[in-house]
Amino acid sequence: MANLYCQATPHSYLQDRFCTAKGPDTDRLYFLTGHLNLAGTEADRWKLKVVGSGNVAVAAQP
């Protein structure tokens, strides 16, 4: 079985915001993402499942 997970906020999204946008909103986003600590919270091990293969039968080789 194989599962594909995606993080909620991709690094490419944040990089684009930090490199192209300037101002207090960007500064606030930079601070929040840099100081976010989810340790010990309900969201600590949260993952977004995109797709799963389910069980896959593998034929034995003769």
Protein backbone atom coordinates (compact mmCIF):
# COMPACT_ATOMS: atom_id res chain seq x y z
CA MET A 1 0.00 0.00 0.00
CA ALA A 2 1.26 3.50 -0.80
CA ASN A 3 -0.09 6.86 0.37
CA LEU A 4 0.77 10.33 -0.89
CA TYR A 5 0.62 13.19 1.60
CA CYS A 6 0.93 16.91 0.98
CA GLN A 7 1.80 19.60 3.48
CA ALA A 8 -0.88 22.24 3.91
CA THR A 9 1.35 25.16 2.91
CA PRO A 10 3.96 24.20 0.30
CA HIS A 11 7.44 25.71 0.61
CA SER A 12 7.11 27.09 -2.93
CA TYR A 13 4.07 29.16 -1.88
CA LEU A 14 5.93 30.71 1.05
CA GLN A 15 9.07 31.32 -1.03
CA ASP A 16 7.00 33.12 -3.67
CA ARG A 17 5.34 35.31 -1.02
CA PHE A 18 8.63 36.22 0.64
CA CYS A 19 10.48 36.95 -2.62
CA THR A 20 7.81 38.91 -4.51
CA ALA A 21 5.65 40.65 -1.92
CA LYS A 22 6.80 43.38 0.43
CA GLY A 23 5.04 45.08 3.30
CA PRO A 24 3.59 44.47 6.75
CA ASP A 25 1.42 41.54 5.65
CA THR A 26 4.46 39.68 4.29
CA ASP A 27 6.44 40.52 7.43
CA ARG A 28 3.61 39.13 9.58
CA LEU A 29 3.40 35.91 7.52
CA TYR A 30 7.19 35.50 7.74
CA PHE A 31 7.07 35.92 11.53
CA LEU A 32 4.14 33.54 12.02
CA THR A 33 5.59 30.75 9.87
CA GLY A 34 9.01 31.15 11.46
CA HIS A 35 7.72 31.00 15.03
CA LEU A 36 4.90 28.46 14.73
CA ASN A 37 5.31 25.68 17.29
CA LEU A 38 2.74 22.89 17.14
CA ALA A 39 4.53 20.54 19.55
CA GLY A 40 2.07 18.99 21.99
CA THR A 41 -1.02 20.22 20.14
CA GLU A 42 -3.72 18.39 18.19
CA ALA A 43 -2.12 19.63 14.96
CA ASP A 44 1.34 18.26 15.81
CA ARG A 45 1.16 15.20 13.55
CA TRP A 46 -1.58 16.36 11.18
CA LYS A 47 -1.18 15.30 7.53
CA LEU A 48 -3.24 15.89 4.40
CA LYS A 49 -3.72 12.63 2.49
CA VAL A 50 -3.93 13.28 -1.25
CA VAL A 51 -4.31 9.72 -2.53
CA GLY A 52 -3.79 6.11 -1.51
CA SER A 53 -3.27 3.00 -3.63
CA GLY A 54 -5.16 0.64 -1.35
CA ASN A 55 -3.99 -2.96 -1.12
CA VAL A 56 -2.03 -4.10 -4.17
CA ALA A 57 -1.65 -7.80 -4.98
CA VAL A 58 1.83 -8.89 -6.01
CA ALA A 59 2.10 -12.07 -8.07
CA ALA A 60 4.70 -14.61 -6.97
CA GLN A 61 7.55 -15.18 -9.42
CA PRO A 62 7.96 -18.79 -10.64
